[in-house]
Amino acid sequence: MQKVIPGLLAALLISSPAIAGDGMISLKSAYDVSTTANRLEQGLNAKGMTIFAKIDHAAGAEKVGLKLRPTELVTSGNPKAGTPLMQCTQSLGIDLPQKALIAQVDI
């Protein structure tokens, strides 16, 4: 996992301009939210990562009669790599699994 994440991050940063603020990296996608989330999931799976959850926030909002622009959260990780880290410092569990928020923003 130590090589997978930096490699994935490097690939994302090289292929797109990135904006970092408050510890978060923002990238622009050429695809809609659903397609971007699906492509991310496929890429993570191809690198041996586990997808723990995919949450459609807009669908959740719709269920309670509210509107939200398309917004999906993908959580992923590698328990074989993450577990030893948490065994050393259990509080890393707040940062693991890794998360990617894919959202439509106004331009």
PDB file of N, CA and C in Angstrom:
ATOM      1  N   MET A   1       0.827  -1.191   0.000  1.00  0.00           N
ATOM      2  CA  MET A   1       0.000   0.000   0.000  1.00  0.00           C
ATOM      3  C   MET A   1       0.867   1.248   0.000  1.00  0.00           C
ATOM      4  N   GLN A   2       2.033   1.178   0.621  1.00  0.00           N
ATOM      5  CA  GLN A   2       2.870   2.358   0.708  1.00  0.00           C
ATOM      6  C   GLN A   2       3.258   2.865  -0.670  1.00  0.00           C
ATOM      7  N   LYS A   3       3.414   1.977  -1.647  1.00  0.00           N
ATOM      8  CA  LYS A   3       3.754   2.395  -2.999  1.00  0.00           C
ATOM      9  C   LYS A   3       2.511   2.718  -3.814  1.00  0.00           C
ATOM     10  N   VAL A   4       1.385   2.080  -3.513  1.00  0.00           N
ATOM     11  CA  VAL A   4       0.162   2.265  -4.278  1.00  0.00           C
ATOM     12  C   VAL A   4      -0.382   3.672  -4.118  1.00  0.00           C
ATOM     13  N   ILE A   5      -0.527   4.135  -2.890  1.00  0.00           N
ATOM     14  CA  ILE A   5      -1.139   5.438  -2.649  1.00  0.00           C
ATOM     15  C   ILE A   5      -0.309   6.577  -3.224  1.00  0.00           C
ATOM     16  N   PRO A   6       1.002   6.647  -2.935  1.00  0.00           N
ATOM     17  CA  PRO A   6       1.774   7.728  -3.553  1.00  0.00           C
ATOM     18  C   PRO A   6       1.750   7.652  -5.070  1.00  0.00           C
ATOM     19  N   GLY A   7       1.760   6.430  -5.618  1.00  0.00           N
ATOM     20  CA  GLY A   7       1.709   6.280  -7.071  1.00  0.00           C
ATOM     21  C   GLY A   7       0.401   6.785  -7.639  1.00  0.00           C
ATOM     22  N   LEU A   8      -0.701   6.432  -6.995  1.00  0.00           N
ATOM     23  CA  LEU A   8      -2.015   6.901  -7.435  1.00  0.00           C
ATOM     24  C   LEU A   8      -2.111   8.407  -7.299  1.00  0.00           C
ATOM     25  N   LEU A   9      -1.651   8.921  -6.175  1.00  0.00           N
ATOM     26  CA  LEU A   9      -1.674  10.358  -5.943  1.00  0.00           C
ATOM     27  C   LEU A   9      -0.819  11.080  -6.973  1.00  0.00           C
ATOM     28  N   ALA A  10       0.363  10.548  -7.245  1.00  0.00           N
ATOM     29  CA  ALA A  10       1.255  11.165  -8.226  1.00  0.00           C
ATOM     30  C   ALA A  10       0.610  11.170  -9.604  1.00  0.00           C
ATOM     31  N   ALA A  11      -0.035  10.064  -9.970  1.00  0.00           N
ATOM     32  CA  ALA A  11      -0.702   9.997 -11.275  1.00  0.00           C
ATOM     33  C   ALA A  11      -1.813  11.031 -11.376  1.00  0.00           C
ATOM     34  N   LEU A  12      -2.568  11.192 -10.308  1.00  0.00           N
ATOM     35  CA  LEU A  12      -3.635  12.185 -10.312  1.00  0.00           C
ATOM     36  C   LEU A  12      -3.073  13.597 -10.405  1.00  0.00           C
ATOM     37  N   LEU A  13      -2.020  13.858  -9.677  1.00  0.00           N
ATOM     38  CA  LEU A  13      -1.438  15.199  -9.663  1.00  0.00           C
ATOM     39  C   LEU A  13      -0.779  15.554 -10.982  1.00  0.00           C
ATOM     40  N   ILE A  14      -0.152  14.574 -11.617  1.00  0.00           N
ATOM     41  CA  ILE A  14       0.520  14.829 -12.892  1.00  0.00           C
ATOM     42  C   ILE A  14      -0.512  15.073 -13.992  1.00  0.00           C
ATOM     43  N   SER A  15      -1.628  14.347 -13.955  1.00  0.00           N
ATOM     44  CA  SER A  15      -2.602  14.432 -15.033  1.00  0.00           C
ATOM     45  C   SER A  15      -3.558  15.605 -14.903  1.00  0.00           C
ATOM     46  N   SER A  16      -3.641  16.231 -13.753  1.00  0.00           N
ATOM     47  CA  SER A  16      -4.585  17.324 -13.546  1.00  0.00           C
ATOM     48  C   SER A  16      -3.985  18.379 -12.635  1.00  0.00           C
ATOM     49  N   PRO A  17      -4.380  19.635 -12.853  1.00  0.00           N
ATOM     50  CA  PRO A  17      -3.946  20.648 -11.888  1.00  0.00           C
ATOM     51  C   PRO A  17      -4.644  20.399 -10.553  1.00  0.00           C
ATOM     52  N   ALA A  18      -3.918  20.507  -9.465  1.00  0.00           N
ATOM     53  CA  ALA A  18      -4.468  20.219  -8.143  1.00  0.00           C
ATOM     54  C   ALA A  18      -4.450  21.468  -7.285  1.00  0.00           C
ATOM     55  N   ILE A  19      -5.435  21.555  -6.434  1.00  0.00           N
ATOM     56  CA  ILE A  19      -5.514  22.646  -5.472  1.00  0.00           C
ATOM     57  C   ILE A  19      -5.574  22.013  -4.099  1.00  0.00           C
ATOM     58  N   ALA A  20      -4.645  22.370  -3.223  1.00  0.00           N
ATOM     59  CA  ALA A  20      -4.625  21.819  -1.869  1.00  0.00           C
ATOM     60  C   ALA A  20      -4.953  22.917  -0.878  1.00  0.00           C
ATOM     61  N   GLY A  21      -5.816  22.609   0.036  1.00  0.00           N
ATOM     62  CA  GLY A  21      -6.169  23.546   1.091  1.00  0.00           C
ATOM     63  C   GLY A  21      -6.719  22.767   2.265  1.00  0.00           C
ATOM     64  N   ASP A  22      -6.298  23.121   3.436  1.00  0.00           N
ATOM     65  CA  ASP A  22      -6.773  22.435   4.634  1.00  0.00           C
ATOM     66  C   ASP A  22      -6.530  20.930   4.562  1.00  0.00           C
ATOM     67  N   GLY A  23      -5.442  20.514   3.911  1.00  0.00           N
ATOM     68  CA  GLY A  23      -5.109  19.099   3.840  1.00  0.00           C
ATOM     69  C   GLY A  23      -5.896  18.321   2.808  1.00  0.00           C
ATOM     70  N   MET A  24      -6.676  18.989   1.991  1.00  0.00           N
ATOM     71  CA  MET A  24      -7.458  18.300   0.979  1.00  0.00           C
ATOM     72  C   MET A  24      -6.962  18.710  -0.396  1.00  0.00           C
ATOM     73  N   ILE A  25      -6.890  17.750  -1.295  1.00  0.00           N
ATOM     74  CA  ILE A  25      -6.471  18.011  -2.671  1.00  0.00           C
ATOM     75  C   ILE A  25      -7.712  17.991  -3.547  1.00  0.00           C
ATOM     76  N   SER A  26      -7.907  19.024  -4.341  1.00  0.00           N
ATOM     77  CA  SER A  26      -9.046  19.101  -5.257  1.00  0.00           C
ATOM     78  C   SER A  26      -8.560  18.976  -6.688  1.00  0.00           C
ATOM     79  N   LEU A  27      -9.217  18.118  -7.437  1.00  0.00           N
ATOM     80  CA  LEU A  27      -8.891  17.898  -8.836  1.00  0.00           C
ATOM     81  C   LEU A  27     -10.148  18.054  -9.673  1.00  0.00           C
ATOM     82  N   LYS A  28     -10.004  18.582 -10.871  1.00  0.00           N
ATOM     83  CA  LYS A  28     -11.133  18.712 -11.784  1.00  0.00           C
ATOM     84  C   LYS A  28     -11.196  17.472 -12.664  1.00  0.00           C
ATOM     85  N   SER A  29     -12.390  16.954 -12.872  1.00  0.00           N
ATOM     86  CA  SER A  29     -12.579  15.780 -13.709  1.00  0.00           C
ATOM     87  C   SER A  29     -13.254  16.188 -15.011  1.00  0.00           C
ATOM     88  N   ALA A  30     -12.930  15.478 -16.071  1.00  0.00           N
ATOM     89  CA  ALA A  30     -13.567  15.710 -17.371  1.00  0.00           C
ATOM     90  C   ALA A  30     -14.899  14.965 -17.467  1.00  0.00           C
ATOM     91  N   TYR A  31     -15.238  14.208 -16.426  1.00  0.00           N
ATOM     92  CA  TYR A  31     -16.432  13.367 -16.443  1.00  0.00           C
ATOM     93  C   TYR A  31     -17.437  13.826 -15.395  1.00  0.00           C
ATOM     94  N   ASP A  32     -18.676  13.335 -15.511  1.00  0.00           N
ATOM     95  CA  ASP A  32     -19.675  13.656 -14.500  1.00  0.00           C
ATOM     96  C   ASP A  32     -19.356  12.903 -13.207  1.00  0.00           C
ATOM     97  N   VAL A  33     -20.088  13.213 -12.158  1.00  0.00           N
ATOM     98  CA  VAL A  33     -19.801  12.658 -10.835  1.00  0.00           C
ATOM     99  C   VAL A  33     -19.856  11.129 -10.834  1.00  0.00           C
ATOM    100  N   SER A  34     -20.909  10.567 -11.368  1.00  0.00           N
ATOM    101  CA  SER A  34     -21.073   9.115 -11.348  1.00  0.00           C
ATOM    102  C   SER A  34     -19.952   8.422 -12.121  1.00  0.00           C
ATOM    103  N   THR A  35     -19.646   8.923 -13.302  1.00  0.00           N
ATOM    104  CA  THR A  35     -18.582   8.334 -14.119  1.00  0.00           C
ATOM    105  C   THR A  35     -17.232   8.462 -13.419  1.00  0.00           C
ATOM    106  N   THR A  36     -16.969   9.620 -12.837  1.00  0.00           N
ATOM    107  CA  THR A  36     -15.709   9.835 -12.118  1.00  0.00           C
ATOM    108  C   THR A  36     -15.589   8.863 -10.958  1.00  0.00           C
ATOM    109  N   ALA A  37     -16.655   8.709 -10.176  1.00  0.00           N
ATOM    110  CA  ALA A  37     -16.637   7.789  -9.034  1.00  0.00           C
ATOM    111  C   ALA A  37     -16.411   6.357  -9.503  1.00  0.00           C
ATOM    112  N   ASN A  38     -17.084   5.962 -10.572  1.00  0.00           N
ATOM    113  CA  ASN A  38     -16.919   4.599 -11.092  1.00  0.00           C
ATOM    114  C   ASN A  38     -15.499   4.362 -11.610  1.00  0.00           C
ATOM    115  N   ARG A  39     -14.943   5.351 -12.308  1.00  0.00           N
ATOM    116  CA  ARG A  39     -13.575   5.220 -12.823  1.00  0.00           C
ATOM    117  C   ARG A  39     -12.568   5.155 -11.668  1.00  0.00           C
ATOM    118  N   LEU A  40     -12.790   5.959 -10.631  1.00  0.00           N
ATOM    119  CA  LEU A  40     -11.916   5.917  -9.462  1.00  0.00           C
ATOM    120  C   LEU A  40     -11.978   4.537  -8.820  1.00  0.00           C
ATOM    121  N   GLU A  41     -13.182   4.036  -8.642  1.00  0.00           N
ATOM    122  CA  GLU A  41     -13.369   2.717  -8.032  1.00  0.00           C
ATOM    123  C   GLU A  41     -12.656   1.637  -8.845  1.00  0.00           C
ATOM    124  N   GLN A  42     -12.786   1.678 -10.156  1.00  0.00           N
ATOM    125  CA  GLN A  42     -12.121   0.695 -11.021  1.00  0.00           C
ATOM    126  C   GLN A  42     -10.602   0.803 -10.895  1.00  0.00           C
ATOM    127  N   GLY A  43     -10.090   2.032 -10.870  1.00  0.00           N
ATOM    128  CA  GLY A  43      -8.649   2.236 -10.740  1.00  0.00           C
ATOM    129  C   GLY A  43      -8.117   1.734  -9.409  1.00  0.00           C
ATOM    130  N   LEU A  44      -8.859   2.013  -8.340  1.00  0.00           N
ATOM    131  CA  LEU A  44      -8.445   1.541  -7.017  1.00  0.00           C
ATOM    132  C   LEU A  44      -8.469   0.019  -6.953  1.00  0.00           C
ATOM    133  N   ASN A  45      -9.522  -0.582  -7.493  1.00  0.00           N
ATOM    134  CA  ASN A  45      -9.608  -2.049  -7.529  1.00  0.00           C
ATOM    135  C   ASN A  45      -8.444  -2.640  -8.314  1.00  0.00           C
ATOM    136  N   ALA A  46      -8.091  -2.022  -9.420  1.00  0.00           N
ATOM    137  CA  ALA A  46      -6.993  -2.512 -10.253  1.00  0.00           C
ATOM    138  C   ALA A  46      -5.666  -2.473  -9.509  1.00  0.00           C
ATOM    139  N   LYS A  47      -5.548  -1.578  -8.541  1.00  0.00           N
ATOM    140  CA  LYS A  47      -4.327  -1.464  -7.733  1.00  0.00           C
ATOM    141  C   LYS A  47      -4.390  -2.303  -6.460  1.00  0.00           C
ATOM    142  N   GLY A  48      -5.436  -3.135  -6.334  1.00  0.00           N
ATOM    143  CA  GLY A  48      -5.539  -4.027  -5.186  1.00  0.00           C
ATOM    144  C   GLY A  48      -6.161  -3.404  -3.949  1.00  0.00           C
ATOM    145  N   MET A  49      -6.744  -2.232  -4.103  1.00  0.00           N
ATOM    146  CA  MET A  49      -7.383  -1.572  -2.969  1.00  0.00           C
ATOM    147  C   MET A  49      -8.792  -2.145  -2.771  1.00  0.00           C
ATOM    148  N   THR A  50      -9.260  -2.104  -1.552  1.00  0.00           N
ATOM    149  CA  THR A  50     -10.608  -2.536  -1.211  1.00  0.00           C
ATOM    150  C   THR A  50     -11.513  -1.317  -1.161  1.00  0.00           C
ATOM    151  N   ILE A  51     -12.662  -1.405  -1.803  1.00  0.00           N
ATOM    152  CA  ILE A  51     -13.671  -0.346  -1.700  1.00  0.00           C
ATOM    153  C   ILE A  51     -14.568  -0.745  -0.531  1.00  0.00           C
ATOM    154  N   PHE A  52     -14.549   0.073   0.513  1.00  0.00           N
ATOM    155  CA  PHE A  52     -15.342  -0.238   1.698  1.00  0.00           C
ATOM    156  C   PHE A  52     -16.761   0.289   1.583  1.00  0.00           C
ATOM    157  N   ALA A  53     -16.923   1.450   0.968  1.00  0.00           N
ATOM    158  CA  ALA A  53     -18.261   2.030   0.834  1.00  0.00           C
ATOM    159  C   ALA A  53     -18.277   3.035  -0.299  1.00  0.00           C
ATOM    160  N   LYS A  54     -19.440   3.171  -0.887  1.00  0.00           N
ATOM    161  CA  LYS A  54     -19.696   4.207  -1.880  1.00  0.00           C
ATOM    162  C   LYS A  54     -21.030   4.825  -1.470  1.00  0.00           C
ATOM    163  N   ILE A  55     -20.995   6.091  -1.118  1.00  0.00           N
ATOM    164  CA  ILE A  55     -22.182   6.758  -0.585  1.00  0.00           C
ATOM    165  C   ILE A  55     -22.631   7.842  -1.547  1.00  0.00           C
ATOM    166  N   ASP A  56     -23.891   7.780  -1.938  1.00  0.00           N
ATOM    167  CA  ASP A  56     -24.476   8.796  -2.813  1.00  0.00           C
ATOM    168  C   ASP A  56     -25.220   9.798  -1.923  1.00  0.00           C
ATOM    169  N   HIS A  57     -24.556  10.898  -1.595  1.00  0.00           N
ATOM    170  CA  HIS A  57     -25.150  11.900  -0.712  1.00  0.00           C
ATOM    171  C   HIS A  57     -26.385  12.548  -1.328  1.00  0.00           C
ATOM    172  N   ALA A  58     -26.381  12.748  -2.646  1.00  0.00           N
ATOM    173  CA  ALA A  58     -27.532  13.365  -3.306  1.00  0.00           C
ATOM    174  C   ALA A  58     -28.771  12.474  -3.188  1.00  0.00           C
ATOM    175  N   ALA A  59     -28.571  11.165  -3.307  1.00  0.00           N
ATOM    176  CA  ALA A  59     -29.691  10.225  -3.162  1.00  0.00           C
ATOM    177  C   ALA A  59     -30.226  10.264  -1.735  1.00  0.00           C
ATOM    178  N   GLY A  60     -29.331  10.367  -0.754  1.00  0.00           N
ATOM    179  CA  GLY A  60     -29.763  10.483   0.636  1.00  0.00           C
ATOM    180  C   GLY A  60     -30.564  11.743   0.874  1.00  0.00           C
ATOM    181  N   ALA A  61     -30.129  12.841   0.291  1.00  0.00           N
ATOM    182  CA  ALA A  61     -30.860  14.103   0.432  1.00  0.00           C
ATOM    183  C   ALA A  61     -32.243  13.987  -0.195  1.00  0.00           C
ATOM    184  N   GLU A  62     -32.302  13.348  -1.354  1.00  0.00           N
ATOM    185  CA  GLU A  62     -33.581  13.196  -2.055  1.00  0.00           C
ATOM    186  C   GLU A  62     -34.579  12.399  -1.217  1.00  0.00           C
ATOM    187  N   LYS A  63     -34.094  11.418  -0.477  1.00  0.00           N
ATOM    188  CA  LYS A  63     -34.972  10.586   0.355  1.00  0.00           C
ATOM    189  C   LYS A  63     -35.672  11.386   1.449  1.00  0.00           C
ATOM    190  N   VAL A  64     -35.086  12.506   1.838  1.00  0.00           N
ATOM    191  CA  VAL A  64     -35.721  13.333   2.868  1.00  0.00           C
ATOM    192  C   VAL A  64     -36.292  14.624   2.273  1.00  0.00           C
ATOM    193  N   GLY A  65     -36.491  14.615   0.946  1.00  0.00           N
ATOM    194  CA  GLY A  65     -37.137  15.737   0.281  1.00  0.00           C
ATOM    195  C   GLY A  65     -36.246  16.953   0.069  1.00  0.00           C
ATOM    196  N   LEU A  66     -34.938  16.774   0.101  1.00  0.00           N
ATOM    197  CA  LEU A  66     -34.008  17.885  -0.107  1.00  0.00           C
ATOM    198  C   LEU A  66     -33.225  17.676  -1.391  1.00  0.00           C
ATOM    199  N   LYS A  67     -32.694  18.764  -1.915  1.00  0.00           N
ATOM    200  CA  LYS A  67     -31.911  18.688  -3.148  1.00  0.00           C
ATOM    201  C   LYS A  67     -30.444  18.935  -2.831  1.00  0.00           C
ATOM    202  N   LEU A  68     -29.589  18.205  -3.523  1.00  0.00           N
ATOM    203  CA  LEU A  68     -28.147  18.362  -3.398  1.00  0.00           C
ATOM    204  C   LEU A  68     -27.555  18.048  -4.767  1.00  0.00           C
ATOM    205  N   ARG A  69     -26.595  18.882  -5.195  1.00  0.00           N
ATOM    206  CA  ARG A  69     -25.915  18.573  -6.453  1.00  0.00           C
ATOM    207  C   ARG A  69     -25.302  17.185  -6.337  1.00  0.00           C
ATOM    208  N   PRO A  70     -25.068  16.505  -7.460  1.00  0.00           N
ATOM    209  CA  PRO A  70     -24.464  15.167  -7.410  1.00  0.00           C
ATOM    210  C   PRO A  70     -23.206  15.162  -6.546  1.00  0.00           C
ATOM    211  N   THR A  71     -23.195  14.271  -5.567  1.00  0.00           N
ATOM    212  CA  THR A  71     -22.093  14.169  -4.605  1.00  0.00           C
ATOM    213  C   THR A  71     -21.962  12.717  -4.161  1.00  0.00           C
ATOM    214  N   GLU A  72     -20.791  12.120  -4.404  1.00  0.00           N
ATOM    215  CA  GLU A  72     -20.550  10.738  -3.992  1.00  0.00           C
ATOM    216  C   GLU A  72     -19.256  10.653  -3.195  1.00  0.00           C
ATOM    217  N   LEU A  73     -19.253   9.773  -2.213  1.00  0.00           N
ATOM    218  CA  LEU A  73     -18.074   9.537  -1.388  1.00  0.00           C
ATOM    219  C   LEU A  73     -17.635   8.092  -1.584  1.00  0.00           C
ATOM    220  N   VAL A  74     -16.356   7.902  -1.869  1.00  0.00           N
ATOM    221  CA  VAL A  74     -15.791   6.568  -2.022  1.00  0.00           C
ATOM    222  C   VAL A  74     -14.746   6.381  -0.925  1.00  0.00           C
ATOM    223  N   THR A  75     -14.899   5.328  -0.133  1.00  0.00           N
ATOM    224  CA  THR A  75     -13.892   5.025   0.889  1.00  0.00           C
ATOM    225  C   THR A  75     -13.157   3.759   0.454  1.00  0.00           C
ATOM    226  N   SER A  76     -11.836   3.795   0.586  1.00  0.00           N
ATOM    227  CA  SER A  76     -11.035   2.673   0.127  1.00  0.00           C
ATOM    228  C   SER A  76      -9.800   2.511   1.003  1.00  0.00           C
ATOM    229  N   GLY A  77      -9.225   1.338   0.930  1.00  0.00           N
ATOM    230  CA  GLY A  77      -8.010   1.103   1.691  1.00  0.00           C
ATOM    231  C   GLY A  77      -7.469  -0.280   1.443  1.00  0.00           C
ATOM    232  N   ASN A  78      -6.489  -0.618   2.245  1.00  0.00           N
ATOM    233  CA  ASN A  78      -5.852  -1.916   2.164  1.00  0.00           C
ATOM    234  C   ASN A  78      -5.598  -2.374   3.605  1.00  0.00           C
ATOM    235  N   PRO A  79      -6.467  -3.233   4.143  1.00  0.00           N
ATOM    236  CA  PRO A  79      -6.328  -3.650   5.537  1.00  0.00           C
ATOM    237  C   PRO A  79      -4.970  -4.265   5.873  1.00  0.00           C
ATOM    238  N   LYS A  80      -4.348  -4.920   4.896  1.00  0.00           N
ATOM    239  CA  LYS A  80      -3.037  -5.529   5.150  1.00  0.00           C
ATOM    240  C   LYS A  80      -1.999  -4.449   5.447  1.00  0.00           C
ATOM    241  N   ALA A  81      -2.119  -3.297   4.838  1.00  0.00           N
ATOM    242  CA  ALA A  81      -1.189  -2.194   5.087  1.00  0.00           C
ATOM    243  C   ALA A  81      -1.688  -1.275   6.204  1.00  0.00           C
ATOM    244  N   GLY A  82      -2.982  -1.045   6.255  1.00  0.00           N
ATOM    245  CA  GLY A  82      -3.535  -0.110   7.228  1.00  0.00           C
ATOM    246  C   GLY A  82      -3.559  -0.635   8.650  1.00  0.00           C
ATOM    247  N   THR A  83      -3.798  -1.929   8.803  1.00  0.00           N
ATOM    248  CA  THR A  83      -3.877  -2.508  10.138  1.00  0.00           C
ATOM    249  C   THR A  83      -2.573  -2.355  10.926  1.00  0.00           C
ATOM    250  N   PRO A  84      -1.410  -2.670  10.341  1.00  0.00           N
ATOM    251  CA  PRO A  84      -0.171  -2.461  11.103  1.00  0.00           C
ATOM    252  C   PRO A  84       0.049  -1.002  11.503  1.00  0.00           C
ATOM    253  N   LEU A  85      -0.366  -0.083  10.646  1.00  0.00           N
ATOM    254  CA  LEU A  85      -0.247   1.335  10.995  1.00  0.00           C
ATOM    255  C   LEU A  85      -1.106   1.648  12.214  1.00  0.00           C
ATOM    256  N   MET A  86      -2.329   1.121  12.215  1.00  0.00           N
ATOM    257  CA  MET A  86      -3.224   1.363  13.339  1.00  0.00           C
ATOM    258  C   MET A  86      -2.776   0.620  14.589  1.00  0.00           C
ATOM    259  N   GLN A  87      -2.075  -0.504  14.419  1.00  0.00           N
ATOM    260  CA  GLN A  87      -1.543  -1.209  15.583  1.00  0.00           C
ATOM    261  C   GLN A  87      -0.480  -0.357  16.278  1.00  0.00           C
ATOM    262  N   CYS A  88       0.257   0.415  15.491  1.00  0.00           N
ATOM    263  CA  CYS A  88       1.272   1.316  16.054  1.00  0.00           C
ATOM    264  C   CYS A  88       0.635   2.566  16.646  1.00  0.00           C
ATOM    265  N   THR A  89      -0.306   3.135  15.913  1.00  0.00           N
ATOM    266  CA  THR A  89      -0.969   4.373  16.330  1.00  0.00           C
ATOM    267  C   THR A  89      -2.449   4.242  15.986  1.00  0.00           C
ATOM    268  N   GLN A  90      -3.227   3.768  16.933  1.00  0.00           N
ATOM    269  CA  GLN A  90      -4.625   3.460  16.667  1.00  0.00           C
ATOM    270  C   GLN A  90      -5.426   4.678  16.227  1.00  0.00           C
ATOM    271  N   SER A  91      -4.993   5.864  16.646  1.00  0.00           N
ATOM    272  CA  SER A  91      -5.736   7.070  16.268  1.00  0.00           C
ATOM    273  C   SER A  91      -5.691   7.339  14.762  1.00  0.00           C
ATOM    274  N   LEU A  92      -4.833   6.638  14.022  1.00  0.00           N
ATOM    275  CA  LEU A  92      -4.838   6.761  12.563  1.00  0.00           C
ATOM    276  C   LEU A  92      -6.170   6.298  11.980  1.00  0.00           C
ATOM    277  N   GLY A  93      -6.933   5.569  12.768  1.00  0.00           N
ATOM    278  CA  GLY A  93      -8.248   5.113  12.326  1.00  0.00           C
ATOM    279  C   GLY A  93      -9.173   6.254  11.948  1.00  0.00           C
ATOM    280  N   ILE A  94      -8.883   7.469  12.412  1.00  0.00           N
ATOM    281  CA  ILE A  94      -9.702   8.622  12.025  1.00  0.00           C
ATOM    282  C   ILE A  94      -9.435   8.994  10.565  1.00  0.00           C
ATOM    283  N   ASP A  95      -8.238   8.680  10.071  1.00  0.00           N
ATOM    284  CA  ASP A  95      -7.870   8.988   8.694  1.00  0.00           C
ATOM    285  C   ASP A  95      -8.009   7.805   7.752  1.00  0.00           C
ATOM    286  N   LEU A  96      -8.190   6.628   8.305  1.00  0.00           N
ATOM    287  CA  LEU A  96      -8.337   5.429   7.492  1.00  0.00           C
ATOM    288  C   LEU A  96      -9.746   4.886   7.655  1.00  0.00           C
ATOM    289  N   PRO A  97     -10.399   4.415   6.641  1.00  0.00           N
ATOM    290  CA  PRO A  97      -9.893   4.299   5.296  1.00  0.00           C
ATOM    291  C   PRO A  97      -9.798   5.667   4.617  1.00  0.00           C
ATOM    292  N   GLN A  98      -9.120   5.669   3.497  1.00  0.00           N
ATOM    293  CA  GLN A  98      -8.989   6.899   2.740  1.00  0.00           C
ATOM    294  C   GLN A  98     -10.316   7.220   2.080  1.00  0.00           C
ATOM    295  N   LYS A  99     -10.545   8.503   1.872  1.00  0.00           N
ATOM    296  CA  LYS A  99     -11.818   8.947   1.319  1.00  0.00           C
ATOM    297  C   LYS A  99     -11.597   9.832   0.104  1.00  0.00           C
ATOM    298  N   ALA A 100     -12.511   9.724  -0.861  1.00  0.00           N
ATOM    299  CA  ALA A 100     -12.516  10.609  -2.018  1.00  0.00           C
ATOM    300  C   ALA A 100     -13.938  11.119  -2.178  1.00  0.00           C
ATOM    301  N   LEU A 101     -14.097  12.436  -2.169  1.00  0.00           N
ATOM    302  CA  LEU A 101     -15.411  13.047  -2.383  1.00  0.00           C
ATOM    303  C   LEU A 101     -15.457  13.549  -3.799  1.00  0.00           C
ATOM    304  N   ILE A 102     -16.446  13.083  -4.535  1.00  0.00           N
ATOM    305  CA  ILE A 102     -16.642  13.498  -5.920  1.00  0.00           C
ATOM    306  C   ILE A 102     -17.937  14.292  -5.952  1.00  0.00           C
ATOM    307  N   ALA A 103     -17.831  15.567  -6.313  1.00  0.00           N
ATOM    308  CA  ALA A 103     -19.002  16.443  -6.256  1.00  0.00           C
ATOM    309  C   ALA A 103     -19.044  17.378  -7.451  1.00  0.00           C
ATOM    310  N   GLN A 104     -20.252  17.677  -7.880  1.00  0.00           N
ATOM    311  CA  GLN A 104     -20.459  18.679  -8.931  1.00  0.00           C
ATOM    312  C   GLN A 104     -20.413  20.047  -8.254  1.00  0.00           C
ATOM    313  N   VAL A 105     -19.581  20.922  -8.759  1.00  0.00           N
ATOM    314  CA  VAL A 105     -19.475  22.258  -8.184  1.00  0.00           C
ATOM    315  C   VAL A 105     -19.888  23.289  -9.222  1.00  0.00           C
ATOM    316  N   ASP A 106     -20.362  24.415  -8.742  1.00  0.00           N
ATOM    317  CA  ASP A 106     -20.690  25.508  -9.649  1.00  0.00           C
ATOM    318  C   ASP A 106     -19.414  26.170 -10.108  1.00  0.00           C
ATOM    319  N   ILE A 107     -19.379  26.531 -11.360  1.00  0.00           N
ATOM    320  CA  ILE A 107     -18.188  27.200 -11.888  1.00  0.00           C
ATOM    321  C   ILE A 107     -18.542  28.613 -12.277  1.00  0.00           C
TER     322      ILE A 107
END
